[in-house]
N, C-alpha and C. Protein backbone atom coordinates (compact mmCIF):
# COMPACT_ATOMS: atom_id res chain seq x y z
N MET A 1 -37.18 -67.44 -182.01
CA MET A 1 -38.50 -68.02 -181.97
C MET A 1 -38.86 -68.55 -183.35
N ARG A 2 -39.60 -69.65 -183.35
CA ARG A 2 -40.03 -70.27 -184.60
C ARG A 2 -41.50 -70.01 -184.84
N ARG A 3 -41.89 -70.19 -186.10
CA ARG A 3 -43.29 -69.98 -186.47
C ARG A 3 -44.03 -71.31 -186.38
N TYR A 4 -45.24 -71.25 -185.83
CA TYR A 4 -46.09 -72.41 -185.68
C TYR A 4 -47.50 -72.03 -186.10
N GLU A 5 -48.30 -73.07 -186.30
CA GLU A 5 -49.73 -72.86 -186.41
C GLU A 5 -50.44 -74.01 -185.72
N THR A 6 -51.57 -73.67 -185.14
CA THR A 6 -52.37 -74.68 -184.47
C THR A 6 -53.79 -74.63 -185.00
N VAL A 7 -54.36 -75.80 -185.14
CA VAL A 7 -55.78 -75.91 -185.46
C VAL A 7 -56.39 -76.69 -184.31
N PHE A 8 -57.46 -76.15 -183.76
CA PHE A 8 -58.15 -76.89 -182.71
C PHE A 8 -59.65 -76.85 -182.98
N ILE A 9 -60.31 -77.89 -182.48
CA ILE A 9 -61.75 -78.06 -182.71
C ILE A 9 -62.45 -77.97 -181.36
N LEU A 10 -63.37 -77.04 -181.26
CA LEU A 10 -64.12 -76.86 -180.02
C LEU A 10 -65.47 -77.56 -180.10
N ASP A 11 -66.01 -77.88 -178.95
CA ASP A 11 -67.31 -78.54 -178.83
C ASP A 11 -68.38 -77.70 -179.52
N PRO A 12 -69.19 -78.29 -180.39
CA PRO A 12 -70.22 -77.53 -181.09
C PRO A 12 -71.36 -77.07 -180.18
N GLY A 13 -71.45 -77.62 -178.98
CA GLY A 13 -72.50 -77.23 -178.05
C GLY A 13 -72.25 -75.88 -177.39
N LEU A 14 -71.07 -75.32 -177.56
CA LEU A 14 -70.77 -74.01 -176.98
C LEU A 14 -71.46 -72.91 -177.77
N ASP A 15 -71.97 -71.90 -177.07
CA ASP A 15 -72.54 -70.76 -177.78
C ASP A 15 -71.40 -69.85 -178.25
N ASP A 16 -71.73 -68.83 -179.02
CA ASP A 16 -70.70 -67.95 -179.59
C ASP A 16 -69.83 -67.28 -178.53
N ALA A 17 -70.44 -66.85 -177.44
CA ALA A 17 -69.69 -66.19 -176.38
C ALA A 17 -68.68 -67.15 -175.74
N ALA A 18 -69.09 -68.38 -175.53
CA ALA A 18 -68.20 -69.38 -174.91
C ALA A 18 -67.06 -69.74 -175.87
N CYS A 19 -67.35 -69.83 -177.17
CA CYS A 19 -66.29 -70.09 -178.16
C CYS A 19 -65.28 -68.95 -178.15
N ASP A 20 -65.79 -67.73 -178.15
CA ASP A 20 -64.90 -66.56 -178.10
C ASP A 20 -64.01 -66.59 -176.86
N LYS A 21 -64.61 -66.98 -175.73
CA LYS A 21 -63.86 -67.04 -174.47
C LYS A 21 -62.74 -68.07 -174.55
N GLU A 22 -63.01 -69.22 -175.16
CA GLU A 22 -61.99 -70.27 -175.30
C GLU A 22 -60.86 -69.83 -176.23
N ILE A 23 -61.20 -69.14 -177.29
CA ILE A 23 -60.19 -68.64 -178.22
C ILE A 23 -59.32 -67.58 -177.54
N ILE A 24 -59.96 -66.70 -176.79
CA ILE A 24 -59.22 -65.66 -176.06
C ILE A 24 -58.28 -66.28 -175.04
N LYS A 25 -58.68 -67.39 -174.40
CA LYS A 25 -57.79 -68.07 -173.45
C LYS A 25 -56.50 -68.52 -174.13
N VAL A 26 -56.63 -69.07 -175.35
CA VAL A 26 -55.45 -69.53 -176.09
C VAL A 26 -54.57 -68.33 -176.46
N GLU A 27 -55.20 -67.26 -176.95
CA GLU A 27 -54.44 -66.06 -177.32
C GLU A 27 -53.72 -65.45 -176.12
N GLU A 28 -54.40 -65.42 -174.97
CA GLU A 28 -53.78 -64.88 -173.75
C GLU A 28 -52.64 -65.77 -173.27
N LEU A 29 -52.78 -67.08 -173.43
CA LEU A 29 -51.71 -68.00 -173.06
C LEU A 29 -50.47 -67.72 -173.90
N LEU A 30 -50.66 -67.48 -175.18
CA LEU A 30 -49.54 -67.15 -176.07
C LEU A 30 -48.84 -65.86 -175.61
N GLU A 31 -49.62 -64.84 -175.32
CA GLU A 31 -49.06 -63.56 -174.91
C GLU A 31 -48.39 -63.65 -173.54
N LYS A 32 -48.99 -64.42 -172.64
CA LYS A 32 -48.46 -64.56 -171.28
C LYS A 32 -47.06 -65.19 -171.30
N HIS A 33 -46.84 -66.12 -172.21
CA HIS A 33 -45.55 -66.82 -172.30
C HIS A 33 -44.65 -66.22 -173.37
N LYS A 34 -44.88 -64.95 -173.68
CA LYS A 34 -44.05 -64.17 -174.61
C LYS A 34 -44.04 -64.70 -176.04
N GLY A 35 -45.13 -65.30 -176.45
CA GLY A 35 -45.29 -65.70 -177.84
C GLY A 35 -45.86 -64.53 -178.63
N LYS A 36 -45.76 -64.59 -179.92
CA LYS A 36 -46.27 -63.51 -180.76
C LYS A 36 -47.41 -64.06 -181.62
N LEU A 37 -48.59 -63.53 -181.39
CA LEU A 37 -49.78 -63.93 -182.14
C LEU A 37 -49.73 -63.25 -183.51
N LEU A 38 -49.79 -64.05 -184.57
CA LEU A 38 -49.72 -63.50 -185.93
C LEU A 38 -51.10 -63.38 -186.56
N LYS A 39 -51.93 -64.43 -186.41
CA LYS A 39 -53.23 -64.41 -187.07
C LYS A 39 -54.16 -65.42 -186.41
N THR A 40 -55.41 -65.04 -186.25
CA THR A 40 -56.45 -65.96 -185.77
C THR A 40 -57.52 -66.03 -186.85
N ASP A 41 -57.81 -67.25 -187.28
CA ASP A 41 -58.79 -67.45 -188.33
C ASP A 41 -59.85 -68.43 -187.83
N ARG A 42 -61.06 -67.95 -187.72
CA ARG A 42 -62.17 -68.78 -187.24
C ARG A 42 -62.87 -69.40 -188.44
N TRP A 43 -62.74 -70.71 -188.58
CA TRP A 43 -63.36 -71.39 -189.71
C TRP A 43 -64.83 -71.67 -189.45
N GLY A 44 -65.22 -71.68 -188.19
CA GLY A 44 -66.62 -71.88 -187.85
C GLY A 44 -67.01 -73.35 -187.70
N LEU A 45 -68.29 -73.57 -187.64
CA LEU A 45 -68.85 -74.90 -187.42
C LEU A 45 -68.75 -75.73 -188.71
N ARG A 46 -68.13 -76.90 -188.60
CA ARG A 46 -67.96 -77.78 -189.76
C ARG A 46 -68.24 -79.22 -189.34
N ARG A 47 -68.59 -80.01 -190.33
CA ARG A 47 -68.86 -81.43 -190.10
C ARG A 47 -67.52 -82.15 -189.93
N LEU A 48 -67.46 -83.05 -188.95
CA LEU A 48 -66.26 -83.86 -188.72
C LEU A 48 -66.27 -85.05 -189.67
N SER A 49 -65.10 -85.52 -190.05
CA SER A 49 -65.04 -86.67 -190.95
C SER A 49 -65.33 -87.98 -190.20
N TYR A 50 -65.17 -87.95 -188.88
CA TYR A 50 -65.54 -89.09 -188.03
C TYR A 50 -65.94 -88.55 -186.66
N ARG A 51 -66.67 -89.34 -185.92
CA ARG A 51 -67.14 -88.90 -184.59
C ARG A 51 -65.98 -88.73 -183.62
N ILE A 52 -66.05 -87.65 -182.86
CA ILE A 52 -65.10 -87.42 -181.79
C ILE A 52 -65.93 -87.12 -180.54
N LYS A 53 -65.76 -87.93 -179.52
CA LYS A 53 -66.53 -87.78 -178.27
C LYS A 53 -68.03 -87.68 -178.56
N LYS A 54 -68.50 -88.54 -179.46
CA LYS A 54 -69.91 -88.64 -179.86
C LYS A 54 -70.44 -87.38 -180.56
N LYS A 55 -69.55 -86.55 -181.08
CA LYS A 55 -69.95 -85.34 -181.80
C LYS A 55 -69.70 -85.54 -183.29
N THR A 56 -70.58 -84.99 -184.12
CA THR A 56 -70.41 -85.08 -185.56
C THR A 56 -70.00 -83.74 -186.17
N GLU A 57 -70.02 -82.67 -185.38
CA GLU A 57 -69.61 -81.34 -185.82
C GLU A 57 -68.65 -80.74 -184.81
N GLY A 58 -67.91 -79.73 -185.25
CA GLY A 58 -67.01 -79.03 -184.35
C GLY A 58 -66.74 -77.63 -184.85
N TYR A 59 -66.33 -76.75 -183.95
CA TYR A 59 -66.01 -75.36 -184.28
C TYR A 59 -64.50 -75.27 -184.47
N TYR A 60 -64.06 -75.04 -185.71
CA TYR A 60 -62.64 -75.04 -186.06
C TYR A 60 -62.03 -73.65 -185.91
N VAL A 61 -60.79 -73.61 -185.39
CA VAL A 61 -60.05 -72.36 -185.24
C VAL A 61 -58.60 -72.61 -185.64
N LEU A 62 -58.03 -71.70 -186.43
CA LEU A 62 -56.62 -71.75 -186.82
C LEU A 62 -55.93 -70.52 -186.24
N ILE A 63 -54.80 -70.75 -185.55
CA ILE A 63 -54.01 -69.65 -185.01
C ILE A 63 -52.58 -69.81 -185.48
N GLN A 64 -52.01 -68.75 -186.06
CA GLN A 64 -50.61 -68.72 -186.45
C GLN A 64 -49.87 -67.87 -185.43
N PHE A 65 -48.69 -68.35 -185.00
CA PHE A 65 -47.96 -67.64 -183.95
C PHE A 65 -46.48 -67.95 -184.01
N GLU A 66 -45.70 -67.16 -183.29
CA GLU A 66 -44.28 -67.40 -183.10
C GLU A 66 -44.08 -67.70 -181.63
N ALA A 67 -43.23 -68.72 -181.34
CA ALA A 67 -43.07 -69.13 -179.95
C ALA A 67 -41.81 -69.97 -179.77
N THR A 68 -41.49 -70.22 -178.51
CA THR A 68 -40.42 -71.14 -178.16
C THR A 68 -41.02 -72.54 -177.99
N SER A 69 -40.16 -73.54 -177.92
CA SER A 69 -40.66 -74.91 -177.76
C SER A 69 -41.34 -75.10 -176.41
N ASP A 70 -40.92 -74.36 -175.39
CA ASP A 70 -41.57 -74.46 -174.08
C ASP A 70 -43.02 -74.00 -174.16
N LEU A 71 -43.27 -72.95 -174.90
CA LEU A 71 -44.63 -72.45 -175.06
C LEU A 71 -45.49 -73.46 -175.82
N VAL A 72 -44.91 -74.12 -176.80
CA VAL A 72 -45.65 -75.13 -177.57
C VAL A 72 -46.09 -76.26 -176.64
N ARG A 73 -45.18 -76.70 -175.77
CA ARG A 73 -45.54 -77.76 -174.81
C ARG A 73 -46.65 -77.29 -173.86
N GLU A 74 -46.60 -76.04 -173.43
CA GLU A 74 -47.63 -75.51 -172.55
C GLU A 74 -48.98 -75.42 -173.27
N LEU A 75 -48.94 -75.07 -174.54
CA LEU A 75 -50.16 -74.99 -175.34
C LEU A 75 -50.77 -76.38 -175.53
N GLU A 76 -49.94 -77.38 -175.80
CA GLU A 76 -50.43 -78.76 -175.91
C GLU A 76 -51.08 -79.21 -174.60
N ARG A 77 -50.44 -78.86 -173.49
CA ARG A 77 -50.99 -79.19 -172.17
C ARG A 77 -52.36 -78.53 -171.98
N HIS A 78 -52.47 -77.28 -172.38
CA HIS A 78 -53.74 -76.55 -172.27
C HIS A 78 -54.85 -77.25 -173.04
N PHE A 79 -54.54 -77.67 -174.27
CA PHE A 79 -55.55 -78.34 -175.09
C PHE A 79 -55.98 -79.67 -174.48
N LYS A 80 -55.03 -80.42 -173.92
CA LYS A 80 -55.36 -81.72 -173.32
C LYS A 80 -56.25 -81.56 -172.09
N LEU A 81 -56.04 -80.50 -171.33
CA LEU A 81 -56.81 -80.30 -170.10
C LEU A 81 -58.15 -79.59 -170.35
N ASN A 82 -58.32 -78.98 -171.51
CA ASN A 82 -59.53 -78.23 -171.81
C ASN A 82 -60.65 -79.20 -172.20
N GLU A 83 -61.71 -79.21 -171.43
CA GLU A 83 -62.81 -80.14 -171.67
C GLU A 83 -63.62 -79.79 -172.93
N PHE A 84 -63.51 -78.56 -173.43
CA PHE A 84 -64.26 -78.15 -174.61
C PHE A 84 -63.48 -78.36 -175.91
N CYS A 85 -62.22 -78.74 -175.82
CA CYS A 85 -61.40 -78.96 -177.00
C CYS A 85 -61.50 -80.43 -177.41
N LEU A 86 -62.07 -80.68 -178.59
CA LEU A 86 -62.23 -82.05 -179.07
C LEU A 86 -60.91 -82.59 -179.62
N ARG A 87 -60.19 -81.78 -180.41
CA ARG A 87 -58.91 -82.18 -181.01
C ARG A 87 -58.06 -80.94 -181.22
N SER A 88 -56.75 -81.15 -181.27
CA SER A 88 -55.85 -80.04 -181.59
C SER A 88 -54.62 -80.58 -182.31
N LEU A 89 -54.00 -79.71 -183.07
CA LEU A 89 -52.78 -80.06 -183.78
C LEU A 89 -51.91 -78.82 -183.85
N ILE A 90 -50.64 -78.96 -183.50
CA ILE A 90 -49.68 -77.86 -183.59
C ILE A 90 -48.57 -78.31 -184.51
N VAL A 91 -48.28 -77.50 -185.53
CA VAL A 91 -47.20 -77.83 -186.46
C VAL A 91 -46.27 -76.63 -186.60
N GLN A 92 -45.00 -76.94 -186.84
CA GLN A 92 -44.02 -75.89 -187.08
C GLN A 92 -44.08 -75.54 -188.56
N LYS A 93 -44.19 -74.27 -188.84
CA LYS A 93 -44.24 -73.83 -190.24
C LYS A 93 -42.83 -73.81 -190.80
N GLU A 94 -42.73 -74.19 -192.04
CA GLU A 94 -41.44 -74.22 -192.71
C GLU A 94 -41.02 -72.80 -193.07
N ASN A 95 -39.72 -72.54 -192.98
CA ASN A 95 -39.18 -71.25 -193.37
C ASN A 95 -39.42 -71.06 -194.87
N GLU A 96 -39.94 -69.92 -195.26
CA GLU A 96 -40.29 -69.69 -196.66
C GLU A 96 -39.08 -69.76 -197.58
N LYS A 97 -37.93 -69.27 -197.13
CA LYS A 97 -36.73 -69.30 -197.96
C LYS A 97 -36.28 -70.74 -198.22
N SER A 98 -36.30 -71.58 -197.18
CA SER A 98 -35.89 -72.96 -197.37
C SER A 98 -36.90 -73.73 -198.21
N ALA A 99 -38.16 -73.36 -198.13
CA ALA A 99 -39.18 -74.01 -198.94
C ALA A 99 -38.96 -73.69 -200.42
N GLU A 100 -38.62 -72.44 -200.72
CA GLU A 100 -38.34 -72.06 -202.11
C GLU A 100 -37.11 -72.80 -202.62
N LYS A 101 -36.09 -72.92 -201.77
CA LYS A 101 -34.86 -73.61 -202.14
C LYS A 101 -35.15 -75.08 -202.45
N ASP A 102 -35.97 -75.72 -201.62
CA ASP A 102 -36.35 -77.12 -201.84
C ASP A 102 -37.11 -77.29 -203.15
N MET A 103 -38.00 -76.35 -203.44
CA MET A 103 -38.77 -76.41 -204.68
C MET A 103 -37.85 -76.29 -205.90
N LYS A 104 -36.87 -75.39 -205.83
CA LYS A 104 -35.94 -75.20 -206.94
C LYS A 104 -35.08 -76.44 -207.16
N SER A 105 -34.59 -77.02 -206.07
CA SER A 105 -33.75 -78.21 -206.21
C SER A 105 -34.56 -79.41 -206.71
N ALA A 106 -35.80 -79.52 -206.29
CA ALA A 106 -36.67 -80.60 -206.77
C ALA A 106 -36.96 -80.42 -208.26
N SER A 107 -37.18 -79.18 -208.65
CA SER A 107 -37.44 -78.89 -210.06
C SER A 107 -36.21 -79.19 -210.91
N ALA A 108 -35.02 -78.84 -210.40
CA ALA A 108 -33.78 -79.11 -211.13
C ALA A 108 -33.56 -80.61 -211.29
N GLU A 109 -33.83 -81.38 -210.25
CA GLU A 109 -33.68 -82.84 -210.32
C GLU A 109 -34.68 -83.44 -211.30
N GLU A 110 -35.88 -82.90 -211.32
CA GLU A 110 -36.90 -83.39 -212.24
C GLU A 110 -36.49 -83.12 -213.68
N ASN A 111 -35.95 -81.94 -213.94
CA ASN A 111 -35.49 -81.61 -215.29
C ASN A 111 -34.31 -82.50 -215.70
N LYS A 112 -33.44 -82.78 -214.76
CA LYS A 112 -32.28 -83.64 -215.02
C LYS A 112 -32.76 -85.05 -215.40
N ASP A 113 -33.75 -85.56 -214.69
CA ASP A 113 -34.29 -86.90 -214.98
C ASP A 113 -34.92 -86.94 -216.37
N MET A 114 -35.56 -85.86 -216.76
CA MET A 114 -36.22 -85.82 -218.07
C MET A 114 -35.19 -85.80 -219.19
N VAL A 115 -34.06 -85.12 -218.98
CA VAL A 115 -33.01 -85.04 -219.98
C VAL A 115 -32.34 -86.41 -220.17
N GLU A 116 -32.12 -87.12 -219.05
CA GLU A 116 -31.47 -88.41 -219.09
C GLU A 116 -32.33 -89.48 -219.76
N ALA A 117 -33.63 -89.34 -219.67
CA ALA A 117 -34.53 -90.36 -220.23
C ALA A 117 -34.68 -90.26 -221.69
């Protein structure tokens, strides 16, 4: 299983109980399809940079999880069909070891360029 994170924006017209219910639906979907929920971070009500469905604000939620690609497709389907979800984005998180390796190689190339100049 790979690590992913999703950010989704809920309709600001929902009350706190309805927002909680929508977040729980996503968490239950992850568990139902054998995904592993790592962290849920509620950013709360924020101003949108542009209007979405005539709304200027939205309730932001970030969820980090581990899942298969089939579960990711099911989660995307859930967001598209959910009338309270204004926008969503799912990204695969980079492996921390490979990220460190990339940083070291980039730093080495940068130092090499400085020596040559």
